Amino acid sequence: MNPFPPSGNIIMSFFEYQGQLCVHLWDFRLMTTSDGISWHQFGRLMPRIQNWIEIDNYMFFYLDDGITLIGPDKDDLRLYRLPKENLVGRAITSIRRFNDDLVITTSNGIFYKNFYQVMNDRILVTN
């Protein structure tokens, strides 16, 4: 068995994404592997991942009032953020796609917007 993480880093969370094992490390690095041996860093994400869901080949992460996503190509992972719009100061509790909308529940109500419009508004953080 190969030791991971390197340099004694602590894994804070992990998830599967399109057949890849992805880890979020204590130092905020996001790393992925398809074979458990070769690991590749594809970004940094602060704060630490707590909640996630896969929707249409994207992995959505949400914490407090922010939404970050990775995807859609598992061989060329890119990290994006969604504009906060009406979400500032509202704790996100879940995200789902319903028909053509992205529905976001928060501590202050339910918000929704056309999924394709949301995806067009995403901001590339790193590639």
N, C-alpha and C. Protein backbone atom coordinates (compact mmCIF):
# COMPACT_ATOMS: atom_id res chain seq x y z
N MET A 1 0.85 -1.19 0.00
CA MET A 1 0.00 0.00 0.00
C MET A 1 0.89 1.24 0.00
N ASN A 2 0.58 2.18 -0.87
CA ASN A 2 1.36 3.41 -0.96
C ASN A 2 0.89 4.40 0.09
N PRO A 3 1.84 5.01 0.79
CA PRO A 3 1.43 6.01 1.79
C PRO A 3 0.94 7.27 1.11
N PHE A 4 -0.14 7.76 1.58
CA PHE A 4 -0.66 9.05 1.12
C PHE A 4 -1.36 9.67 2.30
N PRO A 5 -1.32 10.90 2.52
CA PRO A 5 -0.78 11.94 1.65
C PRO A 5 0.72 12.13 1.81
N PRO A 6 1.35 12.74 0.81
CA PRO A 6 2.79 12.99 0.91
C PRO A 6 3.08 14.04 1.98
N SER A 7 4.27 14.02 2.49
CA SER A 7 4.75 15.01 3.47
C SER A 7 3.89 15.07 4.72
N GLY A 8 3.22 13.99 5.05
CA GLY A 8 2.44 13.94 6.29
C GLY A 8 1.22 14.83 6.29
N ASN A 9 0.77 15.27 5.12
CA ASN A 9 -0.41 16.12 5.05
C ASN A 9 -1.64 15.34 5.46
N ILE A 10 -2.60 16.00 6.03
CA ILE A 10 -3.80 15.35 6.55
C ILE A 10 -4.94 15.50 5.54
N ILE A 11 -5.62 14.40 5.26
CA ILE A 11 -6.80 14.43 4.38
C ILE A 11 -7.99 14.89 5.20
N MET A 12 -8.62 15.98 4.76
CA MET A 12 -9.79 16.52 5.45
C MET A 12 -11.08 15.91 4.92
N SER A 13 -11.12 15.62 3.62
CA SER A 13 -12.29 14.98 3.03
C SER A 13 -11.88 14.36 1.70
N PHE A 14 -12.67 13.42 1.26
CA PHE A 14 -12.43 12.82 -0.05
C PHE A 14 -13.76 12.46 -0.68
N PHE A 15 -13.74 12.34 -2.00
CA PHE A 15 -14.96 12.04 -2.74
C PHE A 15 -14.57 11.42 -4.06
N GLU A 16 -15.51 10.74 -4.69
CA GLU A 16 -15.29 10.18 -6.02
C GLU A 16 -15.92 11.11 -7.03
N TYR A 17 -15.19 11.33 -8.13
CA TYR A 17 -15.70 12.17 -9.19
C TYR A 17 -15.32 11.54 -10.51
N GLN A 18 -16.28 11.07 -11.26
CA GLN A 18 -16.10 10.46 -12.58
C GLN A 18 -14.99 9.41 -12.58
N GLY A 19 -15.02 8.52 -11.60
CA GLY A 19 -14.05 7.44 -11.53
C GLY A 19 -12.70 7.83 -10.96
N GLN A 20 -12.58 9.05 -10.50
CA GLN A 20 -11.34 9.53 -9.88
C GLN A 20 -11.56 9.65 -8.37
N LEU A 21 -10.53 9.34 -7.59
CA LEU A 21 -10.57 9.62 -6.17
C LEU A 21 -9.96 11.00 -5.98
N CYS A 22 -10.69 11.89 -5.34
CA CYS A 22 -10.22 13.25 -5.09
C CYS A 22 -10.11 13.46 -3.59
N VAL A 23 -9.07 14.17 -3.16
CA VAL A 23 -8.89 14.47 -1.75
C VAL A 23 -8.70 15.96 -1.56
N HIS A 24 -9.17 16.44 -0.42
CA HIS A 24 -8.97 17.82 -0.01
C HIS A 24 -8.09 17.77 1.22
N LEU A 25 -6.89 18.33 1.11
CA LEU A 25 -5.90 18.23 2.16
C LEU A 25 -5.98 19.39 3.15
N TRP A 26 -5.35 19.19 4.30
CA TRP A 26 -5.32 20.18 5.37
C TRP A 26 -4.81 21.53 4.86
N ASP A 27 -3.86 21.51 3.91
CA ASP A 27 -3.30 22.77 3.39
C ASP A 27 -4.11 23.32 2.21
N PHE A 28 -5.33 22.81 2.04
CA PHE A 28 -6.31 23.28 1.06
C PHE A 28 -6.07 22.81 -0.37
N ARG A 29 -5.05 21.98 -0.62
CA ARG A 29 -4.82 21.46 -1.96
C ARG A 29 -5.90 20.43 -2.31
N LEU A 30 -6.30 20.43 -3.58
CA LEU A 30 -7.17 19.41 -4.14
C LEU A 30 -6.30 18.51 -5.01
N MET A 31 -6.34 17.21 -4.75
CA MET A 31 -5.54 16.27 -5.52
C MET A 31 -6.43 15.13 -5.99
N THR A 32 -6.02 14.50 -7.10
CA THR A 32 -6.82 13.43 -7.67
C THR A 32 -5.93 12.29 -8.14
N THR A 33 -6.51 11.09 -8.20
CA THR A 33 -5.82 9.92 -8.73
C THR A 33 -6.84 9.00 -9.37
N SER A 34 -6.40 8.30 -10.40
CA SER A 34 -7.27 7.29 -11.00
C SER A 34 -6.76 5.89 -10.66
N ASP A 35 -5.51 5.81 -10.16
CA ASP A 35 -4.94 4.49 -9.87
C ASP A 35 -4.47 4.34 -8.42
N GLY A 36 -4.57 5.38 -7.60
CA GLY A 36 -4.15 5.31 -6.21
C GLY A 36 -2.65 5.45 -6.03
N ILE A 37 -1.91 5.59 -7.10
CA ILE A 37 -0.46 5.69 -7.03
C ILE A 37 0.01 7.07 -7.47
N SER A 38 -0.44 7.49 -8.64
CA SER A 38 -0.05 8.80 -9.19
C SER A 38 -1.08 9.84 -8.78
N TRP A 39 -0.64 10.83 -8.03
CA TRP A 39 -1.53 11.89 -7.55
C TRP A 39 -1.20 13.19 -8.26
N HIS A 40 -2.23 13.98 -8.59
CA HIS A 40 -2.05 15.23 -9.31
C HIS A 40 -2.84 16.33 -8.61
N GLN A 41 -2.19 17.45 -8.37
CA GLN A 41 -2.89 18.59 -7.79
C GLN A 41 -3.60 19.34 -8.90
N PHE A 42 -4.86 19.73 -8.66
CA PHE A 42 -5.58 20.48 -9.68
C PHE A 42 -6.15 21.79 -9.15
N GLY A 43 -5.81 22.15 -7.95
CA GLY A 43 -6.28 23.43 -7.42
C GLY A 43 -6.16 23.50 -5.91
N ARG A 44 -6.60 24.63 -5.39
CA ARG A 44 -6.68 24.85 -3.94
C ARG A 44 -8.07 25.39 -3.66
N LEU A 45 -8.65 24.95 -2.57
CA LEU A 45 -10.01 25.37 -2.24
C LEU A 45 -10.09 25.70 -0.76
N MET A 46 -10.44 26.97 -0.49
CA MET A 46 -10.65 27.42 0.88
C MET A 46 -12.07 27.94 0.97
N PRO A 47 -12.77 27.71 2.01
CA PRO A 47 -12.41 26.90 3.18
C PRO A 47 -12.51 25.43 2.86
N ARG A 48 -12.43 24.62 3.85
CA ARG A 48 -12.45 23.18 3.64
C ARG A 48 -13.82 22.69 3.18
N ILE A 49 -13.79 21.68 2.31
CA ILE A 49 -15.01 21.10 1.75
C ILE A 49 -15.82 20.43 2.86
N GLN A 50 -17.11 20.70 2.88
CA GLN A 50 -17.98 20.01 3.83
C GLN A 50 -19.17 19.35 3.14
N ASN A 51 -19.74 20.00 2.15
CA ASN A 51 -20.92 19.46 1.47
C ASN A 51 -20.70 19.50 -0.03
N TRP A 52 -21.11 18.43 -0.71
CA TRP A 52 -20.94 18.38 -2.15
C TRP A 52 -22.00 17.50 -2.80
N ILE A 53 -22.20 17.74 -4.10
CA ILE A 53 -23.13 16.96 -4.90
C ILE A 53 -22.68 17.04 -6.35
N GLU A 54 -22.82 15.93 -7.08
CA GLU A 54 -22.48 15.93 -8.50
C GLU A 54 -23.75 16.20 -9.30
N ILE A 55 -23.64 17.18 -10.21
CA ILE A 55 -24.76 17.56 -11.07
C ILE A 55 -24.21 17.76 -12.47
N ASP A 56 -24.71 16.99 -13.44
CA ASP A 56 -24.34 17.15 -14.85
C ASP A 56 -22.83 17.22 -15.08
N ASN A 57 -22.10 16.25 -14.58
CA ASN A 57 -20.65 16.14 -14.74
C ASN A 57 -19.86 17.23 -14.03
N TYR A 58 -20.47 17.98 -13.16
CA TYR A 58 -19.78 18.95 -12.32
C TYR A 58 -19.96 18.52 -10.86
N MET A 59 -18.94 18.74 -10.05
CA MET A 59 -19.05 18.51 -8.62
C MET A 59 -19.19 19.87 -7.96
N PHE A 60 -20.33 20.09 -7.30
CA PHE A 60 -20.63 21.35 -6.63
C PHE A 60 -20.27 21.22 -5.15
N PHE A 61 -19.55 22.20 -4.62
CA PHE A 61 -19.22 22.27 -3.19
C PHE A 61 -19.87 23.53 -2.65
N TYR A 62 -20.42 23.43 -1.45
CA TYR A 62 -21.02 24.62 -0.88
C TYR A 62 -20.74 24.69 0.61
N LEU A 63 -20.47 25.91 1.04
CA LEU A 63 -20.21 26.19 2.45
C LEU A 63 -20.56 27.64 2.69
N ASP A 64 -21.30 27.87 3.74
CA ASP A 64 -21.76 29.22 4.06
C ASP A 64 -22.54 29.77 2.87
N ASP A 65 -22.08 30.89 2.26
CA ASP A 65 -22.81 31.47 1.14
C ASP A 65 -22.06 31.33 -0.18
N GLY A 66 -21.09 30.41 -0.24
CA GLY A 66 -20.30 30.25 -1.46
C GLY A 66 -20.48 28.90 -2.12
N ILE A 67 -20.40 28.90 -3.44
CA ILE A 67 -20.50 27.67 -4.23
C ILE A 67 -19.30 27.61 -5.17
N THR A 68 -18.58 26.49 -5.11
CA THR A 68 -17.44 26.24 -5.98
C THR A 68 -17.73 24.94 -6.71
N LEU A 69 -17.21 24.78 -7.93
CA LEU A 69 -17.43 23.53 -8.64
C LEU A 69 -16.20 23.14 -9.43
N ILE A 70 -16.08 21.84 -9.70
CA ILE A 70 -15.04 21.33 -10.57
C ILE A 70 -15.70 20.58 -11.71
N GLY A 71 -14.97 20.51 -12.83
CA GLY A 71 -15.47 19.75 -13.96
C GLY A 71 -15.28 20.51 -15.24
N PRO A 72 -15.88 20.07 -16.30
CA PRO A 72 -16.62 18.82 -16.45
C PRO A 72 -15.75 17.67 -16.94
N ASP A 73 -14.49 17.94 -17.31
CA ASP A 73 -13.63 16.93 -17.92
C ASP A 73 -12.70 16.35 -16.87
N LYS A 74 -12.85 15.08 -16.54
CA LYS A 74 -12.04 14.47 -15.48
C LYS A 74 -10.56 14.45 -15.82
N ASP A 75 -10.21 14.56 -17.10
CA ASP A 75 -8.80 14.55 -17.50
C ASP A 75 -8.20 15.95 -17.54
N ASP A 76 -9.02 16.97 -17.34
CA ASP A 76 -8.55 18.35 -17.33
C ASP A 76 -9.42 19.12 -16.34
N LEU A 77 -9.28 18.80 -15.05
CA LEU A 77 -10.15 19.39 -14.04
C LEU A 77 -9.89 20.88 -13.91
N ARG A 78 -10.97 21.63 -13.83
CA ARG A 78 -10.91 23.08 -13.65
C ARG A 78 -11.77 23.45 -12.46
N LEU A 79 -11.36 24.46 -11.75
CA LEU A 79 -12.06 24.93 -10.55
C LEU A 79 -12.77 26.23 -10.89
N TYR A 80 -14.06 26.30 -10.58
CA TYR A 80 -14.89 27.47 -10.86
C TYR A 80 -15.59 27.93 -9.58
N ARG A 81 -16.00 29.19 -9.57
CA ARG A 81 -16.87 29.71 -8.51
C ARG A 81 -18.12 30.28 -9.18
N LEU A 82 -19.22 30.22 -8.44
CA LEU A 82 -20.44 30.84 -8.93
C LEU A 82 -20.60 32.20 -8.27
N PRO A 83 -21.08 33.20 -9.01
CA PRO A 83 -21.35 34.50 -8.39
C PRO A 83 -22.36 34.33 -7.25
N LYS A 84 -22.18 35.10 -6.20
CA LYS A 84 -23.03 34.95 -5.01
C LYS A 84 -24.42 35.56 -5.17
N GLU A 85 -24.54 36.56 -6.00
CA GLU A 85 -25.82 37.23 -6.25
C GLU A 85 -26.61 37.41 -4.96
N ASN A 86 -27.76 36.76 -4.81
CA ASN A 86 -28.63 36.94 -3.64
C ASN A 86 -28.24 36.05 -2.46
N LEU A 87 -27.11 35.38 -2.53
CA LEU A 87 -26.75 34.42 -1.49
C LEU A 87 -25.86 35.00 -0.39
N VAL A 88 -25.38 36.19 -0.54
CA VAL A 88 -24.46 36.77 0.44
C VAL A 88 -25.10 36.76 1.82
N GLY A 89 -24.39 36.15 2.77
CA GLY A 89 -24.87 36.10 4.15
C GLY A 89 -25.92 35.04 4.42
N ARG A 90 -26.24 34.22 3.44
CA ARG A 90 -27.26 33.18 3.61
C ARG A 90 -26.57 31.82 3.58
N ALA A 91 -26.69 31.06 4.63
CA ALA A 91 -26.05 29.74 4.70
C ALA A 91 -26.75 28.77 3.76
N ILE A 92 -26.01 28.24 2.80
CA ILE A 92 -26.56 27.28 1.84
C ILE A 92 -26.71 25.93 2.53
N THR A 93 -27.88 25.32 2.39
CA THR A 93 -28.13 24.02 3.02
C THR A 93 -28.20 22.88 2.01
N SER A 94 -28.52 23.17 0.76
CA SER A 94 -28.51 22.12 -0.27
C SER A 94 -28.56 22.76 -1.66
N ILE A 95 -28.13 21.95 -2.63
CA ILE A 95 -28.18 22.36 -4.04
C ILE A 95 -28.70 21.16 -4.83
N ARG A 96 -29.62 21.39 -5.74
CA ARG A 96 -30.14 20.34 -6.60
C ARG A 96 -30.50 20.95 -7.95
N ARG A 97 -30.50 20.11 -8.95
CA ARG A 97 -31.02 20.53 -10.24
C ARG A 97 -32.44 19.99 -10.33
N PHE A 98 -33.37 20.83 -10.71
CA PHE A 98 -34.75 20.44 -10.88
C PHE A 98 -35.21 21.00 -12.22
N ASN A 99 -35.51 20.09 -13.16
CA ASN A 99 -35.83 20.47 -14.53
C ASN A 99 -34.69 21.31 -15.10
N ASP A 100 -34.95 22.53 -15.52
CA ASP A 100 -33.89 23.37 -16.09
C ASP A 100 -33.33 24.38 -15.10
N ASP A 101 -33.65 24.23 -13.82
CA ASP A 101 -33.20 25.19 -12.81
C ASP A 101 -32.20 24.58 -11.85
N LEU A 102 -31.32 25.42 -11.33
CA LEU A 102 -30.48 25.06 -10.19
C LEU A 102 -31.19 25.63 -8.98
N VAL A 103 -31.60 24.77 -8.08
CA VAL A 103 -32.34 25.17 -6.89
C VAL A 103 -31.40 25.14 -5.70
N ILE A 104 -31.35 26.24 -4.97
CA ILE A 104 -30.46 26.37 -3.81
C ILE A 104 -31.32 26.70 -2.60
N THR A 105 -31.25 25.83 -1.60
CA THR A 105 -31.96 26.12 -0.36
C THR A 105 -30.97 26.75 0.61
N THR A 106 -31.46 27.72 1.37
CA THR A 106 -30.62 28.44 2.33
C THR A 106 -31.36 28.58 3.65
N SER A 107 -30.68 29.14 4.60
CA SER A 107 -31.29 29.40 5.90
C SER A 107 -32.37 30.48 5.80
N ASN A 108 -32.43 31.18 4.67
CA ASN A 108 -33.39 32.27 4.50
C ASN A 108 -34.37 32.04 3.36
N GLY A 109 -34.44 30.82 2.82
CA GLY A 109 -35.39 30.57 1.75
C GLY A 109 -34.80 29.78 0.60
N ILE A 110 -35.57 29.67 -0.46
CA ILE A 110 -35.18 28.91 -1.65
C ILE A 110 -34.94 29.87 -2.80
N PHE A 111 -33.82 29.67 -3.49
CA PHE A 111 -33.47 30.47 -4.64
C PHE A 111 -33.30 29.54 -5.83
N TYR A 112 -33.67 30.00 -7.01
CA TYR A 112 -33.45 29.18 -8.19
C TYR A 112 -33.18 30.08 -9.39
N LYS A 113 -32.42 29.50 -10.33
CA LYS A 113 -32.06 30.21 -11.54
C LYS A 113 -31.84 29.17 -12.62
N ASN A 114 -32.05 29.53 -13.87
CA ASN A 114 -31.85 28.61 -14.96
C ASN A 114 -30.45 28.00 -14.90
N PHE A 115 -30.37 26.68 -14.92
CA PHE A 115 -29.09 25.98 -14.77
C PHE A 115 -28.08 26.41 -15.82
N TYR A 116 -28.51 26.53 -17.07
CA TYR A 116 -27.59 26.89 -18.15
C TYR A 116 -27.08 28.32 -18.00
N GLN A 117 -27.92 29.21 -17.49
CA GLN A 117 -27.49 30.58 -17.24
C GLN A 117 -26.47 30.61 -16.11
N VAL A 118 -26.71 29.83 -15.06
CA VAL A 118 -25.76 29.74 -13.95
C VAL A 118 -24.41 29.25 -14.46
N MET A 119 -24.43 28.22 -15.29
CA MET A 119 -23.17 27.66 -15.79
C MET A 119 -22.45 28.63 -16.73
N ASN A 120 -23.18 29.46 -17.44
CA ASN A 120 -22.56 30.48 -18.29
C ASN A 120 -21.92 31.59 -17.45
N ASP A 121 -22.45 31.82 -16.24
CA ASP A 121 -21.95 32.88 -15.35
C ASP A 121 -20.79 32.42 -14.48
N ARG A 122 -20.44 31.14 -14.49
CA ARG A 122 -19.38 30.65 -13.61
C ARG A 122 -18.06 31.34 -13.95
N ILE A 123 -17.21 31.47 -12.92
CA ILE A 123 -15.94 32.18 -13.05
C ILE A 123 -14.81 31.17 -12.88
N LEU A 124 -13.90 31.08 -13.84
CA LEU A 124 -12.77 30.18 -13.76
C LEU A 124 -11.81 30.68 -12.69
N VAL A 125 -11.49 29.80 -11.73
CA VAL A 125 -10.58 30.16 -10.64
C VAL A 125 -9.17 29.70 -11.00
N THR A 126 -9.04 28.47 -11.49
CA THR A 126 -7.75 27.92 -11.85
C THR A 126 -7.96 26.85 -12.90
N ASN A 127 -6.96 26.57 -13.67
CA ASN A 127 -7.06 25.47 -14.63
C ASN A 127 -5.79 24.65 -14.64
